[in-house]
Amino acid sequence: MTVKPVIDLANQAPVDGYEVPDRLREAMHLRSPVDVFPYATNTTRTKQADHSDPYMDPGDGGPPGQTRLDNLAPMVTFHHRIKTHGRWQVRHVFNGVFVWRSPHGRLFLVDSTGTHRITTTAA
């Protein structure tokens, strides 16, 4: 049996480096245990930690504290590549709430309850 400390998700200190420390990786998994790509189902702990807003090295003018819980999203490698190199776009609108735009312009909200299609109507 392994005893682990209680993790306060509201008080996770950010770090300036690109690498995600174990404490932030664990907090990310507890906040979002499922891959955050629309309709994804992977719940393993081996998912990659993606910076929702791309990381920019502080030496190149990037701001401090970019590696923080409200800028990290767990994804399997394939979904991470689609987000990074494909035409899918994501906004991390709130800690653990993601809005995705597909290449065809469809919107999806992904949160702790799953994926929800966002439909727009003309007024």
C-alpha atoms as a PDB file:
ATOM      1  CA  MET A   1       0.000   0.000   0.000  1.00  0.00           C
ATOM      2  CA  THR A   2       1.288   3.441  -0.922  1.00  0.00           C
ATOM      3  CA  VAL A   3       0.339   6.458   1.145  1.00  0.00           C
ATOM      4  CA  LYS A   4       0.211   9.709  -0.814  1.00  0.00           C
ATOM      5  CA  PRO A   5      -0.321  13.231   0.494  1.00  0.00           C
ATOM      6  CA  VAL A   6      -3.546  15.111  -0.158  1.00  0.00           C
ATOM      7  CA  ILE A   7      -3.134  17.335  -3.210  1.00  0.00           C
ATOM      8  CA  ASP A   8      -4.710  20.785  -3.130  1.00  0.00           C
ATOM      9  CA  LEU A   9      -5.625  21.428  -6.767  1.00  0.00           C
ATOM     10  CA  ALA A  10      -6.326  25.100  -6.068  1.00  0.00           C
ATOM     11  CA  ASN A  11      -2.822  25.846  -4.792  1.00  0.00           C
ATOM     12  CA  GLN A  12      -0.398  24.324  -7.296  1.00  0.00           C
ATOM     13  CA  ALA A  13       2.578  26.609  -7.781  1.00  0.00           C
ATOM     14  CA  PRO A  14       3.595  27.140 -11.431  1.00  0.00           C
ATOM     15  CA  VAL A  15       7.116  26.530 -12.692  1.00  0.00           C
ATOM     16  CA  ASP A  16       9.170  28.376 -15.283  1.00  0.00           C
ATOM     17  CA  GLY A  17      10.546  25.297 -17.078  1.00  0.00           C
ATOM     18  CA  TYR A  18       9.006  23.301 -19.920  1.00  0.00           C
ATOM     19  CA  GLU A  19       9.158  19.962 -18.082  1.00  0.00           C
ATOM     20  CA  VAL A  20       6.125  19.155 -15.928  1.00  0.00           C
ATOM     21  CA  PRO A  21       7.046  18.204 -12.341  1.00  0.00           C
ATOM     22  CA  ASP A  22       5.458  15.056 -10.890  1.00  0.00           C
ATOM     23  CA  ARG A  23       3.280  17.068  -8.478  1.00  0.00           C
ATOM     24  CA  LEU A  24       1.736  19.068 -11.361  1.00  0.00           C
ATOM     25  CA  ARG A  25       1.357  15.934 -13.507  1.00  0.00           C
ATOM     26  CA  GLU A  26      -0.528  14.219 -10.670  1.00  0.00           C
ATOM     27  CA  ALA A  27      -2.715  17.301 -10.100  1.00  0.00           C
ATOM     28  CA  MET A  28      -3.454  17.431 -13.854  1.00  0.00           C
ATOM     29  CA  HIS A  29      -4.530  13.767 -13.799  1.00  0.00           C
ATOM     30  CA  LEU A  30      -6.752  14.302 -10.757  1.00  0.00           C
ATOM     31  CA  ARG A  31      -8.383  17.353 -12.367  1.00  0.00           C
ATOM     32  CA  SER A  32      -8.749  15.768 -15.829  1.00  0.00           C
ATOM     33  CA  PRO A  33      -8.397  11.972 -15.588  1.00  0.00           C
ATOM     34  CA  VAL A  34      -9.507  11.459 -19.219  1.00  0.00           C
ATOM     35  CA  ASP A  35      -7.749  12.633 -22.391  1.00  0.00           C
ATOM     36  CA  VAL A  36      -9.261  16.067 -23.124  1.00  0.00           C
ATOM     37  CA  PHE A  37      -9.561  15.637 -26.909  1.00  0.00           C
ATOM     38  CA  PRO A  38     -13.256  15.551 -27.934  1.00  0.00           C
ATOM     39  CA  TYR A  39     -14.850  12.155 -27.277  1.00  0.00           C
ATOM     40  CA  ALA A  40     -11.550  10.647 -26.090  1.00  0.00           C
ATOM     41  CA  THR A  41     -11.719   7.869 -23.490  1.00  0.00           C
ATOM     42  CA  ASN A  42      -8.133   7.170 -22.402  1.00  0.00           C
ATOM     43  CA  THR A  43      -7.754   7.250 -18.611  1.00  0.00           C
ATOM     44  CA  THR A  44      -4.183   5.971 -18.239  1.00  0.00           C
ATOM     45  CA  ARG A  45      -1.563   7.987 -16.407  1.00  0.00           C
ATOM     46  CA  THR A  46       0.802   7.746 -19.387  1.00  0.00           C
ATOM     47  CA  LYS A  47      -0.797  10.604 -21.313  1.00  0.00           C
ATOM     48  CA  GLN A  48       1.357  13.537 -22.361  1.00  0.00           C
ATOM     49  CA  ALA A  49       1.008  16.904 -20.634  1.00  0.00           C
ATOM     50  CA  ASP A  50       0.331  19.504 -23.330  1.00  0.00           C
ATOM     51  CA  HIS A  51       0.759  23.216 -22.779  1.00  0.00           C
ATOM     52  CA  SER A  52      -2.620  24.583 -23.932  1.00  0.00           C
ATOM     53  CA  ASP A  53      -0.951  27.880 -24.783  1.00  0.00           C
ATOM     54  CA  PRO A  54       2.333  26.951 -26.468  1.00  0.00           C
ATOM     55  CA  TYR A  55       5.371  27.150 -24.208  1.00  0.00           C
ATOM     56  CA  MET A  56       7.870  29.881 -25.039  1.00  0.00           C
ATOM     57  CA  ASP A  57      11.272  29.722 -23.384  1.00  0.00           C
ATOM     58  CA  PRO A  58      11.697  32.605 -20.907  1.00  0.00           C
ATOM     59  CA  GLY A  59      15.132  33.197 -22.460  1.00  0.00           C
ATOM     60  CA  ASP A  60      13.316  33.960 -25.728  1.00  0.00           C
ATOM     61  CA  GLY A  61      10.866  36.359 -24.103  1.00  0.00           C
ATOM     62  CA  GLY A  62       8.341  33.876 -22.727  1.00  0.00           C
ATOM     63  CA  PRO A  63       6.587  34.792 -19.476  1.00  0.00           C
ATOM     64  CA  PRO A  64       7.389  33.048 -16.187  1.00  0.00           C
ATOM     65  CA  GLY A  65       5.068  30.388 -14.789  1.00  0.00           C
ATOM     66  CA  GLN A  66       3.853  28.929 -18.091  1.00  0.00           C
ATOM     67  CA  THR A  67       3.872  25.391 -16.742  1.00  0.00           C
ATOM     68  CA  ARG A  68       0.847  25.571 -14.466  1.00  0.00           C
ATOM     69  CA  LEU A  69      -2.293  23.538 -13.917  1.00  0.00           C
ATOM     70  CA  ASP A  70      -4.555  25.898 -15.868  1.00  0.00           C
ATOM     71  CA  ASN A  71      -2.242  25.615 -18.896  1.00  0.00           C
ATOM     72  CA  LEU A  72      -1.823  21.828 -18.952  1.00  0.00           C
ATOM     73  CA  ALA A  73      -3.978  19.290 -20.761  1.00  0.00           C
ATOM     74  CA  PRO A  74      -3.574  15.487 -20.721  1.00  0.00           C
ATOM     75  CA  MET A  75      -3.610  13.871 -24.177  1.00  0.00           C
ATOM     76  CA  VAL A  76      -2.418  10.679 -25.804  1.00  0.00           C
ATOM     77  CA  THR A  77       0.373  11.178 -28.318  1.00  0.00           C
ATOM     78  CA  PHE A  78      -1.906  11.078 -31.374  1.00  0.00           C
ATOM     79  CA  HIS A  79      -4.275  13.745 -30.018  1.00  0.00           C
ATOM     80  CA  HIS A  80      -1.321  15.862 -28.883  1.00  0.00           C
ATOM     81  CA  ARG A  81       0.089  15.743 -32.424  1.00  0.00           C
ATOM     82  CA  ILE A  82      -3.283  16.642 -33.969  1.00  0.00           C
ATOM     83  CA  LYS A  83      -3.502  19.660 -31.688  1.00  0.00           C
ATOM     84  CA  THR A  84       0.109  20.726 -32.261  1.00  0.00           C
ATOM     85  CA  HIS A  85       0.529  19.982 -35.980  1.00  0.00           C
ATOM     86  CA  GLY A  86      -3.021  19.554 -37.286  1.00  0.00           C
ATOM     87  CA  ARG A  87      -5.776  22.053 -37.806  1.00  0.00           C
ATOM     88  CA  TRP A  88      -7.568  21.442 -34.489  1.00  0.00           C
ATOM     89  CA  GLN A  89      -7.523  24.399 -32.102  1.00  0.00           C
ATOM     90  CA  VAL A  90      -8.120  24.414 -28.361  1.00  0.00           C
ATOM     91  CA  ARG A  91      -8.712  27.101 -25.751  1.00  0.00           C
ATOM     92  CA  HIS A  92      -8.304  26.304 -22.087  1.00  0.00           C
ATOM     93  CA  VAL A  93     -11.118  28.639 -21.002  1.00  0.00           C
ATOM     94  CA  PHE A  94     -11.113  27.666 -17.323  1.00  0.00           C
ATOM     95  CA  ASN A  95      -9.058  25.240 -15.265  1.00  0.00           C
ATOM     96  CA  GLY A  96     -10.171  21.848 -16.635  1.00  0.00           C
ATOM     97  CA  VAL A  97     -12.574  23.264 -19.253  1.00  0.00           C
ATOM     98  CA  PHE A  98     -11.524  23.140 -22.901  1.00  0.00           C
ATOM     99  CA  VAL A  99     -13.205  24.435 -26.055  1.00  0.00           C
ATOM    100  CA  TRP A 100     -12.048  22.730 -29.251  1.00  0.00           C
ATOM    101  CA  ARG A 101     -12.581  23.861 -32.850  1.00  0.00           C
ATOM    102  CA  SER A 102     -12.391  21.145 -35.509  1.00  0.00           C
ATOM    103  CA  PRO A 103     -10.883  21.780 -38.950  1.00  0.00           C
ATOM    104  CA  HIS A 104     -14.489  22.063 -40.198  1.00  0.00           C
ATOM    105  CA  GLY A 105     -15.400  24.741 -37.645  1.00  0.00           C
ATOM    106  CA  ARG A 106     -17.384  22.543 -35.245  1.00  0.00           C
ATOM    107  CA  LEU A 107     -17.062  23.462 -31.556  1.00  0.00           C
ATOM    108  CA  PHE A 108     -16.804  21.042 -28.661  1.00  0.00           C
ATOM    109  CA  LEU A 109     -16.681  21.749 -24.941  1.00  0.00           C
ATOM    110  CA  VAL A 110     -14.721  19.160 -22.941  1.00  0.00           C
ATOM    111  CA  ASP A 111     -14.858  19.150 -19.159  1.00  0.00           C
ATOM    112  CA  SER A 112     -15.073  16.673 -16.288  1.00  0.00           C
ATOM    113  CA  THR A 113     -18.492  15.490 -17.503  1.00  0.00           C
ATOM    114  CA  GLY A 114     -17.294  14.620 -21.024  1.00  0.00           C
ATOM    115  CA  THR A 115     -17.658  16.153 -24.491  1.00  0.00           C
ATOM    116  CA  HIS A 116     -20.524  18.437 -25.417  1.00  0.00           C
ATOM    117  CA  ARG A 117     -21.153  19.739 -28.932  1.00  0.00           C
ATOM    118  CA  ILE A 118     -21.612  23.505 -29.041  1.00  0.00           C
ATOM    119  CA  THR A 119     -24.108  24.609 -31.634  1.00  0.00           C
ATOM    120  CA  THR A 120     -24.501  28.174 -32.737  1.00  0.00           C
ATOM    121  CA  THR A 121     -27.695  29.700 -34.027  1.00  0.00           C
ATOM    122  CA  ALA A 122     -28.101  32.864 -36.031  1.00  0.00           C
ATOM    123  CA  ALA A 123     -29.969  35.611 -34.214  1.00  0.00           C
END
